[in-house]
Amino acid sequence: MDYEKLEQAMVSLDEPTVLEMMNAVAGGEGDATLALEACTKGLEAVGRLFEEGVYFIPDLIFCGEVMTQATEIVKPLLASGGDKSLGKMILCTVKDDMHDIGKNIVKALMEAVGFEVLDLGIDVAPETIVQTAKEQGVKIIGLSGVLSLAIGSMRETVLAFEAAGMRDQVKIIIGGNPVTAATCELVGADEWALSPHKGVQVCKAWAAEF
């Protein structure tokens, strides 16, 4: 499997090629995780081209739709096996951020490996996240954001868990375009991930601890 070709097909918004290659992966020609990594890199490149004015909103939406299709094709290959559930986790895009493409990709992957994902959607206030975690007994929290201001909202969410006396009861992972090791420390999160695959591995490890 030529993963660089797959990545470039995503960048070029070449839907037929992407889906053809992902179907090949589903048929045993290649590794599903590496294929999704290639698609994700392509998606990120499209996002950068959008910021540079090369692509426009319809292109971004289309790319997200192709990514969703690509994920669904190989989703069965990512299952952890059996009917074992890894438990509940919360996933959302934080307050003041309306982007959900990355979140939806992560959701599909998390569900594929056995998580019951409580998707709270976009522009979610800290108190809503804390209340849901309290009511549902959720210990793993995934916060997504694409805009720089999302970092402030992520920090507010961590502080809200502290104010509720629940910070030591949950694990919080943040992800999205502005996220780095430095922002993770600033926010006060437990972990960070730009790669959906890393996010899945981190949350699976946490689930095994609880």
N, C-alpha and C. Protein backbone atom coordinates (compact mmCIF):
# COMPACT_ATOMS: atom_id res chain seq x y z
N MET A 1 0.84 -1.20 0.00
CA MET A 1 0.00 0.00 0.00
C MET A 1 0.88 1.26 0.00
N ASP A 2 0.61 2.14 -0.93
CA ASP A 2 1.37 3.38 -1.04
C ASP A 2 0.67 4.46 -0.20
N TYR A 3 1.09 4.59 1.04
CA TYR A 3 0.43 5.52 1.96
C TYR A 3 0.63 6.98 1.57
N GLU A 4 1.76 7.27 0.94
CA GLU A 4 1.99 8.65 0.47
C GLU A 4 1.02 9.00 -0.64
N LYS A 5 0.75 8.04 -1.50
CA LYS A 5 -0.23 8.26 -2.57
C LYS A 5 -1.62 8.49 -1.98
N LEU A 6 -1.95 7.74 -0.94
CA LEU A 6 -3.24 7.88 -0.26
C LEU A 6 -3.36 9.26 0.37
N GLU A 7 -2.28 9.69 1.03
CA GLU A 7 -2.27 11.03 1.64
C GLU A 7 -2.48 12.11 0.58
N GLN A 8 -1.77 11.98 -0.54
CA GLN A 8 -1.88 12.97 -1.61
C GLN A 8 -3.26 12.98 -2.23
N ALA A 9 -3.89 11.81 -2.31
CA ALA A 9 -5.25 11.73 -2.85
C ALA A 9 -6.21 12.52 -1.96
N MET A 10 -5.99 12.47 -0.65
CA MET A 10 -6.81 13.26 0.27
C MET A 10 -6.58 14.74 0.04
N VAL A 11 -5.31 15.11 -0.10
CA VAL A 11 -4.97 16.53 -0.32
C VAL A 11 -5.61 17.03 -1.61
N SER A 12 -5.65 16.18 -2.61
CA SER A 12 -6.20 16.55 -3.92
C SER A 12 -7.72 16.41 -3.98
N LEU A 13 -8.32 15.97 -2.86
CA LEU A 13 -9.78 15.74 -2.80
C LEU A 13 -10.22 14.73 -3.85
N ASP A 14 -9.36 13.75 -4.07
CA ASP A 14 -9.62 12.70 -5.06
C ASP A 14 -10.39 11.56 -4.38
N GLU A 15 -11.69 11.75 -4.24
CA GLU A 15 -12.52 10.79 -3.52
C GLU A 15 -12.44 9.37 -4.08
N PRO A 16 -12.56 9.17 -5.41
CA PRO A 16 -12.52 7.81 -5.95
C PRO A 16 -11.25 7.06 -5.57
N THR A 17 -10.11 7.74 -5.66
CA THR A 17 -8.84 7.08 -5.34
C THR A 17 -8.76 6.74 -3.85
N VAL A 18 -9.17 7.68 -3.01
CA VAL A 18 -9.13 7.43 -1.56
C VAL A 18 -9.98 6.22 -1.21
N LEU A 19 -11.20 6.18 -1.70
CA LEU A 19 -12.10 5.09 -1.35
C LEU A 19 -11.64 3.76 -1.94
N GLU A 20 -11.08 3.82 -3.16
CA GLU A 20 -10.56 2.60 -3.78
C GLU A 20 -9.41 2.03 -2.95
N MET A 21 -8.52 2.91 -2.49
CA MET A 21 -7.38 2.46 -1.71
C MET A 21 -7.81 1.96 -0.33
N MET A 22 -8.79 2.62 0.27
CA MET A 22 -9.26 2.17 1.58
C MET A 22 -9.98 0.83 1.47
N ASN A 23 -10.69 0.62 0.39
CA ASN A 23 -11.33 -0.68 0.17
C ASN A 23 -10.27 -1.77 -0.01
N ALA A 24 -9.14 -1.40 -0.63
CA ALA A 24 -8.04 -2.34 -0.79
C ALA A 24 -7.47 -2.72 0.58
N VAL A 25 -7.36 -1.71 1.45
CA VAL A 25 -6.88 -1.97 2.80
C VAL A 25 -7.85 -2.91 3.53
N ALA A 26 -9.14 -2.64 3.37
CA ALA A 26 -10.16 -3.48 4.00
C ALA A 26 -10.07 -4.92 3.48
N GLY A 27 -9.56 -5.06 2.26
CA GLY A 27 -9.41 -6.38 1.66
C GLY A 27 -8.10 -7.06 2.01
N GLY A 28 -7.31 -6.42 2.84
CA GLY A 28 -6.08 -7.05 3.30
C GLY A 28 -4.80 -6.48 2.72
N GLU A 29 -4.92 -5.45 1.87
CA GLU A 29 -3.72 -4.86 1.26
C GLU A 29 -3.25 -3.64 2.05
N GLY A 30 -2.59 -3.88 3.15
CA GLY A 30 -2.10 -2.76 3.93
C GLY A 30 -2.63 -2.78 5.35
N ASP A 31 -2.23 -1.77 6.11
CA ASP A 31 -2.58 -1.66 7.52
C ASP A 31 -3.61 -0.55 7.72
N ALA A 32 -4.71 -0.86 8.38
CA ALA A 32 -5.80 0.10 8.55
C ALA A 32 -5.36 1.34 9.33
N THR A 33 -4.57 1.12 10.37
CA THR A 33 -4.12 2.25 11.19
C THR A 33 -3.23 3.19 10.39
N LEU A 34 -2.28 2.62 9.64
CA LEU A 34 -1.39 3.44 8.82
C LEU A 34 -2.15 4.17 7.72
N ALA A 35 -3.17 3.50 7.18
CA ALA A 35 -3.99 4.13 6.14
C ALA A 35 -4.75 5.32 6.69
N LEU A 36 -5.29 5.17 7.90
CA LEU A 36 -6.01 6.28 8.52
C LEU A 36 -5.06 7.42 8.88
N GLU A 37 -3.85 7.06 9.28
CA GLU A 37 -2.84 8.10 9.57
C GLU A 37 -2.56 8.91 8.30
N ALA A 38 -2.46 8.22 7.16
CA ALA A 38 -2.20 8.91 5.89
C ALA A 38 -3.36 9.83 5.54
N CYS A 39 -4.58 9.34 5.72
CA CYS A 39 -5.76 10.15 5.43
C CYS A 39 -5.82 11.37 6.35
N THR A 40 -5.46 11.15 7.62
CA THR A 40 -5.48 12.25 8.58
C THR A 40 -4.47 13.33 8.22
N LYS A 41 -3.28 12.90 7.79
CA LYS A 41 -2.26 13.87 7.35
C LYS A 41 -2.78 14.67 6.15
N GLY A 42 -3.47 13.97 5.24
CA GLY A 42 -4.05 14.66 4.09
C GLY A 42 -5.09 15.66 4.51
N LEU A 43 -5.93 15.27 5.48
CA LEU A 43 -6.97 16.16 5.99
C LEU A 43 -6.35 17.40 6.63
N GLU A 44 -5.29 17.19 7.39
CA GLU A 44 -4.61 18.32 8.03
C GLU A 44 -4.02 19.26 6.98
N ALA A 45 -3.49 18.70 5.90
CA ALA A 45 -2.93 19.52 4.82
C ALA A 45 -4.03 20.34 4.15
N VAL A 46 -5.19 19.73 3.98
CA VAL A 46 -6.33 20.46 3.40
C VAL A 46 -6.71 21.63 4.31
N GLY A 47 -6.66 21.39 5.62
CA GLY A 47 -6.95 22.46 6.56
C GLY A 47 -5.99 23.62 6.43
N ARG A 48 -4.70 23.31 6.23
CA ARG A 48 -3.70 24.37 6.05
C ARG A 48 -3.95 25.12 4.74
N LEU A 49 -4.31 24.39 3.70
CA LEU A 49 -4.59 25.03 2.40
C LEU A 49 -5.82 25.91 2.48
N PHE A 50 -6.76 25.52 3.32
CA PHE A 50 -7.95 26.35 3.54
C PHE A 50 -7.54 27.66 4.21
N GLU A 51 -6.66 27.57 5.22
CA GLU A 51 -6.21 28.77 5.91
C GLU A 51 -5.44 29.70 4.97
N GLU A 52 -4.78 29.09 3.97
CA GLU A 52 -4.00 29.89 3.00
C GLU A 52 -4.85 30.42 1.86
N GLY A 53 -6.12 30.06 1.85
CA GLY A 53 -7.01 30.56 0.82
C GLY A 53 -7.01 29.75 -0.47
N VAL A 54 -6.34 28.59 -0.46
CA VAL A 54 -6.32 27.73 -1.65
C VAL A 54 -7.63 26.95 -1.75
N TYR A 55 -8.09 26.46 -0.62
CA TYR A 55 -9.37 25.76 -0.56
C TYR A 55 -10.39 26.62 0.16
N PHE A 56 -11.65 26.28 0.00
CA PHE A 56 -12.73 27.04 0.62
C PHE A 56 -13.60 26.12 1.48
N ILE A 57 -14.57 26.68 2.17
CA ILE A 57 -15.39 25.91 3.11
C ILE A 57 -16.01 24.65 2.47
N PRO A 58 -16.58 24.74 1.25
CA PRO A 58 -17.14 23.51 0.65
C PRO A 58 -16.08 22.42 0.47
N ASP A 59 -14.85 22.82 0.16
CA ASP A 59 -13.76 21.84 0.01
C ASP A 59 -13.45 21.17 1.34
N LEU A 60 -13.46 21.98 2.41
CA LEU A 60 -13.17 21.46 3.74
C LEU A 60 -14.25 20.47 4.17
N ILE A 61 -15.49 20.83 3.91
CA ILE A 61 -16.62 19.95 4.25
C ILE A 61 -16.53 18.65 3.45
N PHE A 62 -16.24 18.77 2.15
CA PHE A 62 -16.13 17.60 1.29
C PHE A 62 -15.03 16.67 1.78
N CYS A 63 -13.90 17.24 2.14
CA CYS A 63 -12.77 16.44 2.62
C CYS A 63 -13.16 15.70 3.90
N GLY A 64 -13.90 16.38 4.77
CA GLY A 64 -14.36 15.74 5.99
C GLY A 64 -15.28 14.57 5.71
N GLU A 65 -16.13 14.72 4.68
CA GLU A 65 -17.05 13.65 4.31
C GLU A 65 -16.28 12.45 3.75
N VAL A 66 -15.25 12.73 2.96
CA VAL A 66 -14.42 11.65 2.41
C VAL A 66 -13.71 10.92 3.55
N MET A 67 -13.22 11.69 4.53
CA MET A 67 -12.53 11.10 5.66
C MET A 67 -13.47 10.20 6.46
N THR A 68 -14.70 10.64 6.62
CA THR A 68 -15.70 9.84 7.34
C THR A 68 -15.96 8.52 6.61
N GLN A 69 -16.09 8.59 5.29
CA GLN A 69 -16.29 7.37 4.49
C GLN A 69 -15.09 6.43 4.61
N ALA A 70 -13.90 7.02 4.53
CA ALA A 70 -12.68 6.22 4.62
C ALA A 70 -12.60 5.50 5.96
N THR A 71 -12.97 6.21 7.03
CA THR A 71 -12.94 5.63 8.36
C THR A 71 -13.92 4.47 8.47
N GLU A 72 -15.11 4.66 7.94
CA GLU A 72 -16.14 3.63 8.02
C GLU A 72 -15.71 2.35 7.29
N ILE A 73 -14.99 2.50 6.19
CA ILE A 73 -14.57 1.34 5.40
C ILE A 73 -13.67 0.40 6.22
N VAL A 74 -12.76 0.99 6.98
CA VAL A 74 -11.80 0.15 7.72
C VAL A 74 -12.16 -0.01 9.20
N LYS A 75 -13.26 0.58 9.60
CA LYS A 75 -13.68 0.53 11.01
C LYS A 75 -13.73 -0.89 11.56
N PRO A 76 -14.26 -1.87 10.81
CA PRO A 76 -14.31 -3.24 11.34
C PRO A 76 -12.93 -3.82 11.68
N LEU A 77 -11.90 -3.33 10.98
CA LEU A 77 -10.55 -3.86 11.21
C LEU A 77 -9.94 -3.32 12.50
N LEU A 78 -10.55 -2.26 13.04
CA LEU A 78 -9.99 -1.62 14.23
C LEU A 78 -10.60 -2.16 15.51
N ALA A 79 -11.64 -2.96 15.39
CA ALA A 79 -12.33 -3.47 16.57
C ALA A 79 -11.38 -4.28 17.44
N SER A 80 -11.56 -4.15 18.72
CA SER A 80 -10.67 -4.81 19.67
C SER A 80 -10.95 -6.30 19.81
N GLY A 81 -12.05 -6.73 19.22
CA GLY A 81 -12.38 -8.16 19.27
C GLY A 81 -13.40 -8.45 20.35
N GLY A 82 -14.34 -9.34 20.02
CA GLY A 82 -15.37 -9.69 20.99
C GLY A 82 -16.34 -8.55 21.20
N ASP A 83 -17.12 -8.68 22.27
CA ASP A 83 -18.12 -7.66 22.58
C ASP A 83 -17.71 -6.84 23.80
N LYS A 84 -16.46 -6.93 24.19
CA LYS A 84 -16.00 -6.24 25.39
C LYS A 84 -16.09 -4.73 25.21
N SER A 85 -16.71 -4.10 26.20
CA SER A 85 -16.82 -2.65 26.17
C SER A 85 -15.71 -2.04 27.02
N LEU A 86 -15.17 -0.94 26.56
CA LEU A 86 -14.14 -0.24 27.32
C LEU A 86 -14.75 0.81 28.23
N GLY A 87 -16.08 0.89 28.25
CA GLY A 87 -16.76 1.84 29.11
C GLY A 87 -17.10 3.13 28.39
N LYS A 88 -17.63 4.07 29.15
CA LYS A 88 -18.06 5.34 28.60
C LYS A 88 -16.93 6.37 28.57
N MET A 89 -16.98 7.25 27.60
CA MET A 89 -16.11 8.41 27.59
C MET A 89 -16.87 9.59 26.99
N ILE A 90 -16.50 10.77 27.40
CA ILE A 90 -17.11 11.98 26.85
C ILE A 90 -16.20 12.54 25.77
N LEU A 91 -16.82 12.98 24.69
CA LEU A 91 -16.07 13.61 23.60
C LEU A 91 -16.85 14.83 23.14
N CYS A 92 -16.17 15.94 22.96
CA CYS A 92 -16.85 17.15 22.49
C CYS A 92 -15.86 18.18 21.98
N THR A 93 -16.39 19.14 21.23
CA THR A 93 -15.62 20.32 20.85
C THR A 93 -15.95 21.39 21.88
N VAL A 94 -14.93 22.02 22.42
CA VAL A 94 -15.13 22.93 23.55
C VAL A 94 -15.82 24.24 23.18
N LYS A 95 -16.19 24.96 24.21
CA LYS A 95 -16.92 26.22 24.08
C LYS A 95 -16.26 27.19 23.10
N ASP A 96 -17.08 27.82 22.29
CA ASP A 96 -16.67 28.84 21.30
C ASP A 96 -16.00 28.27 20.06
N ASP A 97 -15.97 26.94 19.92
CA ASP A 97 -15.40 26.32 18.72
C ASP A 97 -16.49 25.46 18.07
N MET A 98 -16.71 25.66 16.77
CA MET A 98 -17.81 24.98 16.07
C MET A 98 -17.33 23.84 15.16
N HIS A 99 -16.06 23.49 15.22
CA HIS A 99 -15.52 22.48 14.31
C HIS A 99 -15.75 21.07 14.85
N ASP A 100 -16.13 20.17 13.97
CA ASP A 100 -16.41 18.81 14.45
C ASP A 100 -15.85 17.69 13.57
N ILE A 101 -15.15 18.03 12.49
CA ILE A 101 -14.63 16.98 11.61
C ILE A 101 -13.66 16.07 12.36
N GLY A 102 -12.68 16.67 13.03
CA GLY A 102 -11.71 15.87 13.77
C GLY A 102 -12.37 15.08 14.88
N LYS A 103 -13.29 15.71 15.59
CA LYS A 103 -14.00 15.04 16.68
C LYS A 103 -14.75 13.83 16.16
N ASN A 104 -15.40 13.98 15.03
CA ASN A 104 -16.19 12.87 14.48
C ASN A 104 -15.31 11.70 14.05
N ILE A 105 -14.13 12.01 13.56
CA ILE A 105 -13.19 10.94 13.18
C ILE A 105 -12.75 10.17 14.43
N VAL A 106 -12.40 10.92 15.47
CA VAL A 106 -11.98 10.29 16.72
C VAL A 106 -13.12 9.47 17.31
N LYS A 107 -14.34 9.99 17.23
CA LYS A 107 -15.50 9.26 17.74
C LYS A 107 -15.64 7.90 17.05
N ALA A 108 -15.52 7.90 15.73
CA ALA A 108 -15.65 6.65 14.97
C ALA A 108 -14.60 5.63 15.40
N LEU A 109 -13.38 6.10 15.62
CA LEU A 109 -12.29 5.21 16.02
C LEU A 109 -12.49 4.70 17.45
N MET A 110 -12.93 5.59 18.34
CA MET A 110 -13.15 5.19 19.73
C MET A 110 -14.25 4.13 19.81
N GLU A 111 -15.32 4.33 19.05
CA GLU A 111 -16.41 3.37 19.05
C GLU A 111 -15.96 2.04 18.46
N ALA A 112 -15.07 2.12 17.48
CA ALA A 112 -14.59 0.91 16.81
C ALA A 112 -13.82 0.01 17.76
N VAL A 113 -13.09 0.61 18.72
CA VAL A 113 -12.30 -0.21 19.63
C VAL A 113 -13.05 -0.59 20.90
N GLY A 114 -14.30 -0.09 21.04
CA GLY A 114 -15.12 -0.55 22.16
C GLY A 114 -15.60 0.47 23.16
N PHE A 115 -15.35 1.76 22.93
CA PHE A 115 -15.86 2.77 23.84
C PHE A 115 -17.32 3.13 23.53
N GLU A 116 -18.07 3.42 24.57
CA GLU A 116 -19.39 4.03 24.40
C GLU A 116 -19.17 5.54 24.49
N VAL A 117 -19.21 6.21 23.34
CA VAL A 117 -18.87 7.63 23.28
C VAL A 117 -20.11 8.50 23.51
N LEU A 118 -20.04 9.33 24.54
CA LEU A 118 -21.08 10.33 24.77
C LEU A 118 -20.63 11.59 24.05
N ASP A 119 -21.14 11.79 22.85
CA ASP A 119 -20.75 12.92 22.02
C ASP A 119 -21.64 14.11 22.37
N LEU A 120 -21.05 15.10 23.02
CA LEU A 120 -21.82 16.26 23.46
C LEU A 120 -21.91 17.34 22.38
N GLY A 121 -21.23 17.11 21.24
CA GLY A 121 -21.34 18.04 20.12
C GLY A 121 -20.29 19.12 20.13
N ILE A 122 -20.67 20.30 19.64
CA ILE A 122 -19.74 21.42 19.50
C ILE A 122 -20.13 22.56 20.45
N ASP A 123 -19.19 23.47 20.68
CA ASP A 123 -19.45 24.66 21.49
C ASP A 123 -20.02 24.27 22.86
N VAL A 124 -19.36 23.32 23.52
CA VAL A 124 -19.89 22.78 24.78
C VAL A 124 -19.26 23.48 25.99
N ALA A 125 -20.13 23.98 26.85
CA ALA A 125 -19.69 24.71 28.03
C ALA A 125 -19.06 23.78 29.06
N PRO A 126 -18.07 24.26 29.83
CA PRO A 126 -17.41 23.43 30.84
C PRO A 126 -18.39 22.78 31.82
N GLU A 127 -19.39 23.55 32.27
CA GLU A 127 -20.32 23.01 33.25
C GLU A 127 -21.14 21.84 32.70
N THR A 128 -21.41 21.87 31.39
CA THR A 128 -22.14 20.76 30.76
C THR A 128 -21.30 19.49 30.78
N ILE A 129 -20.02 19.64 30.49
CA ILE A 129 -19.10 18.50 30.49
C ILE A 129 -18.98 17.90 31.89
N VAL A 130 -18.79 18.77 32.88
CA VAL A 130 -18.65 18.32 34.26
C VAL A 130 -19.92 17.63 34.75
N GLN A 131 -21.07 18.22 34.45
CA GLN A 131 -22.34 17.66 34.89
C GLN A 131 -22.60 16.29 34.27
N THR A 132 -22.28 16.17 32.97
CA THR A 132 -22.47 14.89 32.29
C THR A 132 -21.56 13.82 32.88
N ALA A 133 -20.32 14.19 33.14
CA ALA A 133 -19.37 13.25 33.74
C ALA A 133 -19.86 12.79 35.11
N LYS A 134 -20.40 13.71 35.88
CA LYS A 134 -20.89 13.40 37.22
C LYS A 134 -22.11 12.48 37.16
N GLU A 135 -23.06 12.81 36.27
CA GLU A 135 -24.30 12.04 36.18
C GLU A 135 -24.08 10.65 35.59
N GLN A 136 -23.16 10.54 34.62
CA GLN A 136 -22.94 9.28 33.91
C GLN A 136 -21.78 8.46 34.46
N GLY A 137 -21.07 9.02 35.42
CA GLY A 137 -19.94 8.30 36.00
C GLY A 137 -18.79 8.11 35.02
N VAL A 138 -18.58 9.10 34.16
CA VAL A 138 -17.54 9.01 33.13
C VAL A 138 -16.19 9.46 33.68
N LYS A 139 -15.15 8.69 33.36
CA LYS A 139 -13.82 9.01 33.88
C LYS A 139 -12.83 9.46 32.81
N ILE A 140 -13.20 9.30 31.53
CA ILE A 140 -12.32 9.71 30.44
C ILE A 140 -12.99 10.81 29.64
N ILE A 141 -12.29 11.94 29.52
CA ILE A 141 -12.84 13.13 28.87
C ILE A 141 -11.96 13.52 27.69
N GLY A 142 -12.54 13.60 26.50
CA GLY A 142 -11.81 14.03 25.31
C GLY A 142 -12.30 15.40 24.86
N LEU A 143 -11.39 16.37 24.85
CA LEU A 143 -11.73 17.74 24.47
C LEU A 143 -11.06 18.09 23.15
N SER A 144 -11.86 18.53 22.18
CA SER A 144 -11.34 18.86 20.86
C SER A 144 -11.49 20.36 20.58
N GLY A 145 -10.56 20.87 19.77
CA GLY A 145 -10.65 22.28 19.38
C GLY A 145 -9.74 22.55 18.20
N VAL A 146 -10.17 23.42 17.31
CA VAL A 146 -9.38 23.78 16.14
C VAL A 146 -8.85 25.21 16.25
N LEU A 147 -9.63 26.07 16.86
CA LEU A 147 -9.24 27.47 16.99
C LEU A 147 -8.31 27.68 18.19
N SER A 148 -7.50 28.72 18.12
CA SER A 148 -6.58 29.01 19.21
C SER A 148 -7.32 29.31 20.51
N LEU A 149 -8.49 29.94 20.40
CA LEU A 149 -9.24 30.27 21.60
C LEU A 149 -9.77 29.03 22.31
N ALA A 150 -9.72 27.88 21.62
CA ALA A 150 -10.16 26.64 22.25
C ALA A 150 -9.28 26.27 23.44
N ILE A 151 -8.02 26.72 23.41
CA ILE A 151 -7.11 26.42 24.51
C ILE A 151 -7.64 27.02 25.81
N GLY A 152 -8.15 28.25 25.73
CA GLY A 152 -8.73 28.88 26.92
C GLY A 152 -9.94 28.12 27.43
N SER A 153 -10.77 27.65 26.50
CA SER A 153 -11.96 26.90 26.88
C SER A 153 -11.59 25.55 27.50
N MET A 154 -10.53 24.94 26.98
CA MET A 154 -10.06 23.68 27.57
C MET A 154 -9.58 23.91 28.99
N ARG A 155 -8.86 25.00 29.20
CA ARG A 155 -8.38 25.34 30.54
C ARG A 155 -9.56 25.57 31.48
N GLU A 156 -10.59 26.26 31.00
CA GLU A 156 -11.79 26.51 31.81
C GLU A 156 -12.46 25.19 32.21
N THR A 157 -12.43 24.24 31.31
CA THR A 157 -13.05 22.94 31.58
C THR A 157 -12.29 22.20 32.67
N VAL A 158 -10.97 22.21 32.59
CA VAL A 158 -10.16 21.57 33.63
C VAL A 158 -10.41 22.23 34.98
N LEU A 159 -10.48 23.56 34.98
CA LEU A 159 -10.74 24.30 36.22
C LEU A 159 -12.12 23.97 36.77
N ALA A 160 -13.08 23.74 35.88
CA ALA A 160 -14.44 23.40 36.32
C ALA A 160 -14.46 22.04 37.02
N PHE A 161 -13.64 21.10 36.53
CA PHE A 161 -13.54 19.81 37.20
C PHE A 161 -12.89 19.97 38.57
N GLU A 162 -11.90 20.87 38.64
CA GLU A 162 -11.25 21.12 39.93
C GLU A 162 -12.23 21.73 40.91
N ALA A 163 -13.02 22.69 40.44
CA ALA A 163 -13.99 23.37 41.30
C ALA A 163 -15.06 22.41 41.81
N ALA A 164 -15.36 21.40 41.00
CA ALA A 164 -16.38 20.42 41.39
C ALA A 164 -15.80 19.31 42.27
N GLY A 165 -14.48 19.37 42.52
CA GLY A 165 -13.84 18.36 43.34
C GLY A 165 -13.71 17.03 42.63
N MET A 166 -13.67 17.07 41.28
CA MET A 166 -13.66 15.83 40.50
C MET A 166 -12.38 15.63 39.69
N ARG A 167 -11.44 16.56 39.79
CA ARG A 167 -10.29 16.49 38.90
C ARG A 167 -9.50 15.21 39.05
N ASP A 168 -9.38 14.71 40.28
CA ASP A 168 -8.59 13.50 40.49
C ASP A 168 -9.37 12.23 40.15
N GLN A 169 -10.63 12.39 39.73
CA GLN A 169 -11.46 11.24 39.38
C GLN A 169 -11.53 10.99 37.87
N VAL A 170 -10.98 11.93 37.09
CA VAL A 170 -11.08 11.82 35.63
C VAL A 170 -9.71 11.98 34.97
N LYS A 171 -9.62 11.47 33.75
CA LYS A 171 -8.46 11.67 32.90
C LYS A 171 -8.91 12.52 31.71
N ILE A 172 -8.16 13.56 31.40
CA ILE A 172 -8.54 14.48 30.34
C ILE A 172 -7.49 14.51 29.24
N ILE A 173 -7.92 14.26 28.01
CA ILE A 173 -7.03 14.34 26.85
C ILE A 173 -7.54 15.42 25.92
N ILE A 174 -6.64 16.24 25.39
CA ILE A 174 -7.03 17.31 24.47
C ILE A 174 -6.43 17.05 23.10
N GLY A 175 -7.10 17.53 22.08
CA GLY A 175 -6.61 17.33 20.72
C GLY A 175 -7.13 18.41 19.79
N GLY A 176 -6.44 18.56 18.67
CA GLY A 176 -6.84 19.57 17.69
C GLY A 176 -5.65 20.38 17.21
N ASN A 177 -5.88 21.19 16.24
CA ASN A 177 -4.83 21.93 15.56
C ASN A 177 -3.90 22.74 16.47
N PRO A 178 -4.41 23.46 17.49
CA PRO A 178 -3.50 24.30 18.29
C PRO A 178 -2.82 23.58 19.44
N VAL A 179 -3.06 22.28 19.57
CA VAL A 179 -2.59 21.55 20.75
C VAL A 179 -1.14 21.09 20.59
N THR A 180 -0.36 21.33 21.63
CA THR A 180 1.04 20.89 21.70
C THR A 180 1.31 20.42 23.14
N ALA A 181 2.51 19.92 23.38
CA ALA A 181 2.88 19.53 24.74
C ALA A 181 2.80 20.73 25.68
N ALA A 182 3.20 21.90 25.17
CA ALA A 182 3.18 23.11 25.99
C ALA A 182 1.76 23.53 26.35
N THR A 183 0.85 23.46 25.37
CA THR A 183 -0.53 23.83 25.65
C THR A 183 -1.19 22.82 26.58
N CYS A 184 -0.78 21.57 26.48
CA CYS A 184 -1.31 20.53 27.36
C CYS A 184 -0.96 20.87 28.81
N GLU A 185 0.27 21.29 29.02
CA GLU A 185 0.72 21.69 30.36
C GLU A 185 -0.03 22.93 30.83
N LEU A 186 -0.21 23.88 29.92
CA LEU A 186 -0.92 25.12 30.25
C LEU A 186 -2.36 24.83 30.65
N VAL A 187 -3.00 23.97 29.87
CA VAL A 187 -4.41 23.63 30.12
C VAL A 187 -4.56 22.84 31.42
N GLY A 188 -3.55 22.00 31.71
CA GLY A 188 -3.64 21.15 32.89
C GLY A 188 -4.24 19.80 32.57
N ALA A 189 -4.21 19.43 31.29
CA ALA A 189 -4.75 18.13 30.87
C ALA A 189 -3.76 17.03 31.20
N ASP A 190 -4.22 15.78 31.13
CA ASP A 190 -3.36 14.65 31.43
C ASP A 190 -2.55 14.21 30.22
N GLU A 191 -3.10 14.43 29.02
CA GLU A 191 -2.43 13.98 27.80
C GLU A 191 -2.94 14.79 26.63
N TRP A 192 -2.21 14.72 25.51
CA TRP A 192 -2.63 15.43 24.29
C TRP A 192 -2.31 14.55 23.09
N ALA A 193 -3.00 14.83 21.99
CA ALA A 193 -2.77 14.04 20.78
C ALA A 193 -3.19 14.83 19.55
N LEU A 194 -2.35 14.81 18.54
CA LEU A 194 -2.74 15.34 17.22
C LEU A 194 -3.21 14.18 16.35
N SER A 195 -2.63 13.02 16.58
CA SER A 195 -3.00 11.82 15.83
C SER A 195 -4.18 11.12 16.49
N PRO A 196 -5.24 10.85 15.74
CA PRO A 196 -6.37 10.10 16.30
C PRO A 196 -5.93 8.75 16.86
N HIS A 197 -4.96 8.12 16.20
CA HIS A 197 -4.47 6.82 16.65
C HIS A 197 -3.86 6.93 18.05
N LYS A 198 -3.08 7.98 18.29
CA LYS A 198 -2.49 8.16 19.61
C LYS A 198 -3.59 8.35 20.65
N GLY A 199 -4.60 9.13 20.29
CA GLY A 199 -5.71 9.37 21.21
C GLY A 199 -6.38 8.08 21.61
N VAL A 200 -6.59 7.20 20.66
CA VAL A 200 -7.23 5.91 20.93
C VAL A 200 -6.36 5.08 21.87
N GLN A 201 -5.06 5.02 21.61
CA GLN A 201 -4.16 4.22 22.43
C GLN A 201 -4.10 4.74 23.86
N VAL A 202 -4.08 6.05 24.01
CA VAL A 202 -4.04 6.66 25.36
C VAL A 202 -5.30 6.31 26.13
N CYS A 203 -6.45 6.46 25.49
CA CYS A 203 -7.73 6.22 26.17
C CYS A 203 -7.92 4.74 26.49
N LYS A 204 -7.44 3.87 25.62
CA LYS A 204 -7.52 2.42 25.89
C LYS A 204 -6.68 2.08 27.13
N ALA A 205 -5.52 2.70 27.24
CA ALA A 205 -4.65 2.45 28.39
C ALA A 205 -5.32 2.94 29.69
N TRP A 206 -5.94 4.11 29.60
CA TRP A 206 -6.65 4.64 30.77
C TRP A 206 -7.80 3.73 31.18
N ALA A 207 -8.56 3.24 30.18
CA ALA A 207 -9.71 2.38 30.46
C ALA A 207 -9.27 1.12 31.20
N ALA A 208 -8.07 0.64 30.88
CA ALA A 208 -7.55 -0.56 31.53
C ALA A 208 -7.19 -0.29 33.00
N GLU A 209 -6.95 0.98 33.33
CA GLU A 209 -6.57 1.34 34.69
C GLU A 209 -7.78 1.48 35.60
N PHE A 210 -8.92 1.85 35.03
CA PHE A 210 -10.11 2.11 35.85
C PHE A 210 -10.84 0.83 36.19
